[in-house]
Amino acid sequence: RGAYIYSLESFLYKTLNTTMRLVGDKEHEHVWRSKIRTLGPFCLLLWDDPCNTKAKTNKTLYRGANLNHEQIAKYEKNG
């Protein structure tokens, strides 16, 4: 569910990506640390979905792209 929400065209993925790019940057540490309370729970869902403990498979998520199985297979083959 977290990955699905993240894959939508919304403010959430843009905000999360912008914030995550600041992690490790001493000059902007106060910025990303100030967003932990807001974005932290969502990041936990992306990292480890506590509501879905039985599904443990590795999958690739193609955010923002509508690809059919043939296109995905071609991409995986060619890298």
PDB file of N, CA and C in Angstrom:
ATOM      1  N   ARG A   1       0.817  -1.198   0.000  1.00  0.00           N
ATOM      2  CA  ARG A   1       0.000   0.000   0.000  1.00  0.00           C
ATOM      3  C   ARG A   1       0.858   1.258   0.000  1.00  0.00           C
ATOM      4  N   GLY A   2       1.906   1.238   0.797  1.00  0.00           N
ATOM      5  CA  GLY A   2       2.800   2.393   0.828  1.00  0.00           C
ATOM      6  C   GLY A   2       3.445   2.640  -0.519  1.00  0.00           C
ATOM      7  N   ALA A   3       3.873   1.559  -1.175  1.00  0.00           N
ATOM      8  CA  ALA A   3       4.501   1.693  -2.494  1.00  0.00           C
ATOM      9  C   ALA A   3       3.497   2.195  -3.523  1.00  0.00           C
ATOM     10  N   TYR A   4       2.266   1.742  -3.419  1.00  0.00           N
ATOM     11  CA  TYR A   4       1.237   2.204  -4.356  1.00  0.00           C
ATOM     12  C   TYR A   4       1.014   3.706  -4.202  1.00  0.00           C
ATOM     13  N   ILE A   5       0.869   4.160  -2.972  1.00  0.00           N
ATOM     14  CA  ILE A   5       0.654   5.592  -2.728  1.00  0.00           C
ATOM     15  C   ILE A   5       1.852   6.394  -3.223  1.00  0.00           C
ATOM     16  N   TYR A   6       3.054   5.878  -2.972  1.00  0.00           N
ATOM     17  CA  TYR A   6       4.272   6.565  -3.414  1.00  0.00           C
ATOM     18  C   TYR A   6       4.343   6.659  -4.934  1.00  0.00           C
ATOM     19  N   SER A   7       3.812   5.646  -5.621  1.00  0.00           N
ATOM     20  CA  SER A   7       3.914   5.616  -7.083  1.00  0.00           C
ATOM     21  C   SER A   7       2.937   6.564  -7.774  1.00  0.00           C
ATOM     22  N   LEU A   8       1.974   7.090  -7.046  1.00  0.00           N
ATOM     23  CA  LEU A   8       1.016   8.028  -7.643  1.00  0.00           C
ATOM     24  C   LEU A   8       1.667   9.380  -7.897  1.00  0.00           C
ATOM     25  N   GLU A   9       1.157  10.076  -8.878  1.00  0.00           N
ATOM     26  CA  GLU A   9       1.631  11.433  -9.168  1.00  0.00           C
ATOM     27  C   GLU A   9       1.023  12.354  -8.116  1.00  0.00           C
ATOM     28  N   SER A  10       1.799  12.664  -7.083  1.00  0.00           N
ATOM     29  CA  SER A  10       1.262  13.465  -5.979  1.00  0.00           C
ATOM     30  C   SER A  10       2.384  14.253  -5.310  1.00  0.00           C
ATOM     31  N   PHE A  11       1.985  15.079  -4.371  1.00  0.00           N
ATOM     32  CA  PHE A  11       2.960  15.857  -3.609  1.00  0.00           C
ATOM     33  C   PHE A  11       3.830  14.954  -2.746  1.00  0.00           C
ATOM     34  N   LEU A  12       3.316  13.779  -2.375  1.00  0.00           N
ATOM     35  CA  LEU A  12       4.010  12.936  -1.407  1.00  0.00           C
ATOM     36  C   LEU A  12       5.361  12.452  -1.922  1.00  0.00           C
ATOM     37  N   TYR A  13       5.392  11.877  -3.118  1.00  0.00           N
ATOM     38  CA  TYR A  13       6.678  11.377  -3.606  1.00  0.00           C
ATOM     39  C   TYR A  13       7.646  12.523  -3.868  1.00  0.00           C
ATOM     40  N   LYS A  14       7.132  13.666  -4.325  1.00  0.00           N
ATOM     41  CA  LYS A  14       8.010  14.807  -4.577  1.00  0.00           C
ATOM     42  C   LYS A  14       8.619  15.321  -3.276  1.00  0.00           C
ATOM     43  N   THR A  15       7.791  15.435  -2.245  1.00  0.00           N
ATOM     44  CA  THR A  15       8.271  15.904  -0.941  1.00  0.00           C
ATOM     45  C   THR A  15       9.253  14.915  -0.344  1.00  0.00           C
ATOM     46  N   LEU A  16       8.922  13.633  -0.415  1.00  0.00           N
ATOM     47  CA  LEU A  16       9.797  12.603   0.141  1.00  0.00           C
ATOM     48  C   LEU A  16      11.132  12.564  -0.593  1.00  0.00           C
ATOM     49  N   ASN A  17      11.114  12.614  -1.912  1.00  0.00           N
ATOM     50  CA  ASN A  17      12.363  12.593  -2.681  1.00  0.00           C
ATOM     51  C   ASN A  17      13.228  13.810  -2.380  1.00  0.00           C
ATOM     52  N   THR A  18      12.606  14.974  -2.339  1.00  0.00           N
ATOM     53  CA  THR A  18      13.346  16.205  -2.041  1.00  0.00           C
ATOM     54  C   THR A  18      13.987  16.121  -0.664  1.00  0.00           C
ATOM     55  N   THR A  19      13.226  15.638   0.300  1.00  0.00           N
ATOM     56  CA  THR A  19      13.728  15.528   1.668  1.00  0.00           C
ATOM     57  C   THR A  19      14.848  14.497   1.764  1.00  0.00           C
ATOM     58  N   MET A  20      14.673  13.343   1.138  1.00  0.00           N
ATOM     59  CA  MET A  20      15.682  12.286   1.220  1.00  0.00           C
ATOM     60  C   MET A  20      16.998  12.700   0.563  1.00  0.00           C
ATOM     61  N   ARG A  21      16.950  13.583  -0.418  1.00  0.00           N
ATOM     62  CA  ARG A  21      18.185  14.067  -1.044  1.00  0.00           C
ATOM     63  C   ARG A  21      19.006  14.927  -0.090  1.00  0.00           C
ATOM     64  N   LEU A  22      18.359  15.443   0.956  1.00  0.00           N
ATOM     65  CA  LEU A  22      19.055  16.291   1.924  1.00  0.00           C
ATOM     66  C   LEU A  22      19.722  15.498   3.043  1.00  0.00           C
ATOM     67  N   VAL A  23      19.349  14.230   3.201  1.00  0.00           N
ATOM     68  CA  VAL A  23      19.928  13.412   4.267  1.00  0.00           C
ATOM     69  C   VAL A  23      21.434  13.293   4.045  1.00  0.00           C
ATOM     70  N   GLY A  24      22.192  13.589   5.080  1.00  0.00           N
ATOM     71  CA  GLY A  24      23.645  13.544   5.000  1.00  0.00           C
ATOM     72  C   GLY A  24      24.275  14.882   4.673  1.00  0.00           C
ATOM     73  N   ASP A  25      23.467  15.859   4.306  1.00  0.00           N
ATOM     74  CA  ASP A  25      23.952  17.201   3.986  1.00  0.00           C
ATOM     75  C   ASP A  25      23.917  18.038   5.264  1.00  0.00           C
ATOM     76  N   LYS A  26      25.078  18.302   5.828  1.00  0.00           N
ATOM     77  CA  LYS A  26      25.163  19.035   7.103  1.00  0.00           C
ATOM     78  C   LYS A  26      24.491  20.403   7.034  1.00  0.00           C
ATOM     79  N   GLU A  27      24.585  21.051   5.891  1.00  0.00           N
ATOM     80  CA  GLU A  27      24.016  22.387   5.735  1.00  0.00           C
ATOM     81  C   GLU A  27      22.484  22.379   5.828  1.00  0.00           C
ATOM     82  N   HIS A  28      21.864  21.278   5.411  1.00  0.00           N
ATOM     83  CA  HIS A  28      20.402  21.191   5.395  1.00  0.00           C
ATOM     84  C   HIS A  28      19.856  20.169   6.392  1.00  0.00           C
ATOM     85  N   GLU A  29      20.669  19.765   7.341  1.00  0.00           N
ATOM     86  CA  GLU A  29      20.243  18.742   8.298  1.00  0.00           C
ATOM     87  C   GLU A  29      18.977  19.155   9.047  1.00  0.00           C
ATOM     88  N   HIS A  30      18.886  20.423   9.424  1.00  0.00           N
ATOM     89  CA  HIS A  30      17.707  20.893  10.155  1.00  0.00           C
ATOM     90  C   HIS A  30      16.428  20.757   9.329  1.00  0.00           C
ATOM     91  N   VAL A  31      16.551  20.849   8.007  1.00  0.00           N
ATOM     92  CA  VAL A  31      15.375  20.755   7.138  1.00  0.00           C
ATOM     93  C   VAL A  31      14.829  19.335   7.145  1.00  0.00           C
ATOM     94  N   TRP A  32      15.692  18.337   6.838  1.00  0.00           N
ATOM     95  CA  TRP A  32      15.165  16.982   6.771  1.00  0.00           C
ATOM     96  C   TRP A  32      14.791  16.454   8.144  1.00  0.00           C
ATOM     97  N   ARG A  33      15.506  16.866   9.179  1.00  0.00           N
ATOM     98  CA  ARG A  33      15.132  16.415  10.529  1.00  0.00           C
ATOM     99  C   ARG A  33      13.770  16.961  10.941  1.00  0.00           C
ATOM    100  N   SER A  34      13.415  18.149  10.468  1.00  0.00           N
ATOM    101  CA  SER A  34      12.119  18.740  10.820  1.00  0.00           C
ATOM    102  C   SER A  34      10.950  17.996  10.168  1.00  0.00           C
ATOM    103  N   LYS A  35      11.224  17.175   9.180  1.00  0.00           N
ATOM    104  CA  LYS A  35      10.165  16.461   8.468  1.00  0.00           C
ATOM    105  C   LYS A  35      10.009  15.014   8.925  1.00  0.00           C
ATOM    106  N   ILE A  36      10.827  14.566   9.861  1.00  0.00           N
ATOM    107  CA  ILE A  36      10.778  13.173  10.306  1.00  0.00           C
ATOM    108  C   ILE A  36       9.415  12.815  10.897  1.00  0.00           C
ATOM    109  N   ARG A  37       8.857  13.679  11.728  1.00  0.00           N
ATOM    110  CA  ARG A  37       7.559  13.372  12.352  1.00  0.00           C
ATOM    111  C   ARG A  37       6.455  13.227  11.311  1.00  0.00           C
ATOM    112  N   THR A  38       6.535  13.976  10.240  1.00  0.00           N
ATOM    113  CA  THR A  38       5.501  13.927   9.202  1.00  0.00           C
ATOM    114  C   THR A  38       5.734  12.777   8.228  1.00  0.00           C
ATOM    115  N   LEU A  39       6.945  12.654   7.714  1.00  0.00           N
ATOM    116  CA  LEU A  39       7.236  11.660   6.677  1.00  0.00           C
ATOM    117  C   LEU A  39       7.683  10.312   7.233  1.00  0.00           C
ATOM    118  N   GLY A  40       8.136  10.281   8.469  1.00  0.00           N
ATOM    119  CA  GLY A  40       8.659   9.056   9.062  1.00  0.00           C
ATOM    120  C   GLY A  40       7.720   7.866   9.001  1.00  0.00           C
ATOM    121  N   PRO A  41       6.455   8.008   9.428  1.00  0.00           N
ATOM    122  CA  PRO A  41       5.541   6.862   9.367  1.00  0.00           C
ATOM    123  C   PRO A  41       5.344   6.337   7.944  1.00  0.00           C
ATOM    124  N   PHE A  42       5.285   7.229   6.979  1.00  0.00           N
ATOM    125  CA  PHE A  42       5.135   6.791   5.600  1.00  0.00           C
ATOM    126  C   PHE A  42       6.387   6.051   5.128  1.00  0.00           C
ATOM    127  N   CYS A  43       7.549   6.540   5.518  1.00  0.00           N
ATOM    128  CA  CYS A  43       8.802   5.867   5.156  1.00  0.00           C
ATOM    129  C   CYS A  43       8.839   4.458   5.729  1.00  0.00           C
ATOM    130  N   LEU A  44       8.304   4.293   6.939  1.00  0.00           N
ATOM    131  CA  LEU A  44       8.249   2.961   7.547  1.00  0.00           C
ATOM    132  C   LEU A  44       7.403   2.026   6.695  1.00  0.00           C
ATOM    133  N   LEU A  45       6.283   2.510   6.178  1.00  0.00           N
ATOM    134  CA  LEU A  45       5.448   1.673   5.316  1.00  0.00           C
ATOM    135  C   LEU A  45       6.174   1.283   4.033  1.00  0.00           C
ATOM    136  N   LEU A  46       6.972   2.181   3.493  1.00  0.00           N
ATOM    137  CA  LEU A  46       7.749   1.844   2.297  1.00  0.00           C
ATOM    138  C   LEU A  46       8.837   0.828   2.610  1.00  0.00           C
ATOM    139  N   TRP A  47       9.462   0.986   3.766  1.00  0.00           N
ATOM    140  CA  TRP A  47      10.575   0.117   4.144  1.00  0.00           C
ATOM    141  C   TRP A  47      10.095  -1.280   4.505  1.00  0.00           C
ATOM    142  N   ASP A  48       9.052  -1.356   5.362  1.00  0.00           N
ATOM    143  CA  ASP A  48       8.587  -2.646   5.863  1.00  0.00           C
ATOM    144  C   ASP A  48       7.113  -2.526   6.198  1.00  0.00           C
ATOM    145  N   ASP A  49       6.249  -3.023   5.347  1.00  0.00           N
ATOM    146  CA  ASP A  49       4.807  -2.914   5.534  1.00  0.00           C
ATOM    147  C   ASP A  49       4.358  -3.806   6.686  1.00  0.00           C
ATOM    148  N   PRO A  50       4.081  -3.231   7.864  1.00  0.00           N
ATOM    149  CA  PRO A  50       3.699  -4.048   9.017  1.00  0.00           C
ATOM    150  C   PRO A  50       2.326  -4.696   8.863  1.00  0.00           C
ATOM    151  N   CYS A  51       1.520  -4.236   7.929  1.00  0.00           N
ATOM    152  CA  CYS A  51       0.185  -4.807   7.715  1.00  0.00           C
ATOM    153  C   CYS A  51       0.226  -6.026   6.808  1.00  0.00           C
ATOM    154  N   ASN A  52       1.334  -6.280   6.163  1.00  0.00           N
ATOM    155  CA  ASN A  52       1.418  -7.367   5.196  1.00  0.00           C
ATOM    156  C   ASN A  52       2.669  -8.193   5.468  1.00  0.00           C
ATOM    157  N   THR A  53       2.638  -8.958   6.539  1.00  0.00           N
ATOM    158  CA  THR A  53       3.825  -9.710   6.946  1.00  0.00           C
ATOM    159  C   THR A  53       4.011 -11.001   6.162  1.00  0.00           C
ATOM    160  N   LYS A  54       2.964 -11.508   5.505  1.00  0.00           N
ATOM    161  CA  LYS A  54       3.103 -12.782   4.804  1.00  0.00           C
ATOM    162  C   LYS A  54       3.735 -12.650   3.418  1.00  0.00           C
ATOM    163  N   ALA A  55       3.651 -11.501   2.801  1.00  0.00           N
ATOM    164  CA  ALA A  55       4.200 -11.309   1.457  1.00  0.00           C
ATOM    165  C   ALA A  55       5.652 -10.864   1.551  1.00  0.00           C
ATOM    166  N   LYS A  56       6.558 -11.741   1.224  1.00  0.00           N
ATOM    167  CA  LYS A  56       7.989 -11.433   1.274  1.00  0.00           C
ATOM    168  C   LYS A  56       8.611 -11.759  -0.080  1.00  0.00           C
ATOM    169  N   THR A  57       8.335 -10.933  -1.062  1.00  0.00           N
ATOM    170  CA  THR A  57       8.904 -11.138  -2.387  1.00  0.00           C
ATOM    171  C   THR A  57       9.632  -9.880  -2.817  1.00  0.00           C
ATOM    172  N   ASN A  58      10.629 -10.057  -3.639  1.00  0.00           N
ATOM    173  CA  ASN A  58      11.345  -8.921  -4.213  1.00  0.00           C
ATOM    174  C   ASN A  58      10.650  -8.517  -5.503  1.00  0.00           C
ATOM    175  N   LYS A  59      10.248  -7.265  -5.574  1.00  0.00           N
ATOM    176  CA  LYS A  59       9.601  -6.758  -6.775  1.00  0.00           C
ATOM    177  C   LYS A  59      10.200  -5.409  -7.120  1.00  0.00           C
ATOM    178  N   THR A  60      10.144  -5.074  -8.385  1.00  0.00           N
ATOM    179  CA  THR A  60      10.589  -3.770  -8.841  1.00  0.00           C
ATOM    180  C   THR A  60       9.362  -2.929  -9.133  1.00  0.00           C
ATOM    181  N   LEU A  61       9.368  -1.710  -8.640  1.00  0.00           N
ATOM    182  CA  LEU A  61       8.262  -0.792  -8.866  1.00  0.00           C
ATOM    183  C   LEU A  61       8.702   0.255  -9.878  1.00  0.00           C
ATOM    184  N   TYR A  62       7.964   0.360 -10.973  1.00  0.00           N
ATOM    185  CA  TYR A  62       8.247   1.355 -11.994  1.00  0.00           C
ATOM    186  C   TYR A  62       7.300   2.527 -11.765  1.00  0.00           C
ATOM    187  N   ARG A  63       7.748   3.541 -11.061  1.00  0.00           N
ATOM    188  CA  ARG A  63       6.907   4.666 -10.690  1.00  0.00           C
ATOM    189  C   ARG A  63       6.591   5.542 -11.892  1.00  0.00           C
ATOM    190  N   GLY A  64       5.325   5.779 -12.102  1.00  0.00           N
ATOM    191  CA  GLY A  64       4.905   6.709 -13.139  1.00  0.00           C
ATOM    192  C   GLY A  64       4.944   6.168 -14.555  1.00  0.00           C
ATOM    193  N   ALA A  65       5.177   4.892 -14.719  1.00  0.00           N
ATOM    194  CA  ALA A  65       5.242   4.328 -16.062  1.00  0.00           C
ATOM    195  C   ALA A  65       4.218   3.210 -16.198  1.00  0.00           C
ATOM    196  N   ASN A  66       3.474   3.230 -17.280  1.00  0.00           N
ATOM    197  CA  ASN A  66       2.540   2.148 -17.583  1.00  0.00           C
ATOM    198  C   ASN A  66       3.211   1.236 -18.600  1.00  0.00           C
ATOM    199  N   LEU A  67       3.827   0.172 -18.116  1.00  0.00           N
ATOM    200  CA  LEU A  67       4.540  -0.758 -18.978  1.00  0.00           C
ATOM    201  C   LEU A  67       3.824  -2.097 -18.994  1.00  0.00           C
ATOM    202  N   ASN A  68       3.774  -2.726 -20.159  1.00  0.00           N
ATOM    203  CA  ASN A  68       3.211  -4.070 -20.211  1.00  0.00           C
ATOM    204  C   ASN A  68       4.322  -5.070 -19.885  1.00  0.00           C
ATOM    205  N   HIS A  69       3.955  -6.345 -19.762  1.00  0.00           N
ATOM    206  CA  HIS A  69       4.931  -7.371 -19.368  1.00  0.00           C
ATOM    207  C   HIS A  69       6.085  -7.481 -20.365  1.00  0.00           C
ATOM    208  N   GLU A  70       5.796  -7.322 -21.641  1.00  0.00           N
ATOM    209  CA  GLU A  70       6.834  -7.407 -22.674  1.00  0.00           C
ATOM    210  C   GLU A  70       7.856  -6.277 -22.517  1.00  0.00           C
ATOM    211  N   GLN A  71       7.384  -5.076 -22.263  1.00  0.00           N
ATOM    212  CA  GLN A  71       8.284  -3.932 -22.079  1.00  0.00           C
ATOM    213  C   GLN A  71       9.156  -4.109 -20.835  1.00  0.00           C
ATOM    214  N   ILE A  72       8.569  -4.608 -19.779  1.00  0.00           N
ATOM    215  CA  ILE A  72       9.331  -4.833 -18.547  1.00  0.00           C
ATOM    216  C   ILE A  72      10.398  -5.893 -18.778  1.00  0.00           C
ATOM    217  N   ALA A  73      10.031  -6.983 -19.448  1.00  0.00           N
ATOM    218  CA  ALA A  73      10.999  -8.049 -19.731  1.00  0.00           C
ATOM    219  C   ALA A  73      12.150  -7.525 -20.581  1.00  0.00           C
ATOM    220  N   LYS A  74      11.844  -6.703 -21.571  1.00  0.00           N
ATOM    221  CA  LYS A  74      12.886  -6.131 -22.430  1.00  0.00           C
ATOM    222  C   LYS A  74      13.810  -5.229 -21.617  1.00  0.00           C
ATOM    223  N   TYR A  75      13.218  -4.412 -20.750  1.00  0.00           N
ATOM    224  CA  TYR A  75      14.014  -3.521 -19.902  1.00  0.00           C
ATOM    225  C   TYR A  75      14.918  -4.322 -18.966  1.00  0.00           C
ATOM    226  N   GLU A  76      14.369  -5.369 -18.347  1.00  0.00           N
ATOM    227  CA  GLU A  76      15.164  -6.191 -17.434  1.00  0.00           C
ATOM    228  C   GLU A  76      16.303  -6.889 -18.170  1.00  0.00           C
ATOM    229  N   LYS A  77      16.052  -7.325 -19.394  1.00  0.00           N
ATOM    230  CA  LYS A  77      17.074  -8.017 -20.183  1.00  0.00           C
ATOM    231  C   LYS A  77      18.202  -7.072 -20.584  1.00  0.00           C
ATOM    232  N   ASN A  78      17.843  -5.866 -21.011  1.00  0.00           N
ATOM    233  CA  ASN A  78      18.829  -4.911 -21.514  1.00  0.00           C
ATOM    234  C   ASN A  78      19.390  -3.984 -20.443  1.00  0.00           C
ATOM    235  N   GLY A  79      18.790  -4.016 -19.269  1.00  0.00           N
ATOM    236  CA  GLY A  79      19.275  -3.175 -18.167  1.00  0.00           C
ATOM    237  C   GLY A  79      18.920  -1.784 -18.387  1.00  0.00           C
TER     238      GLY A  79
END
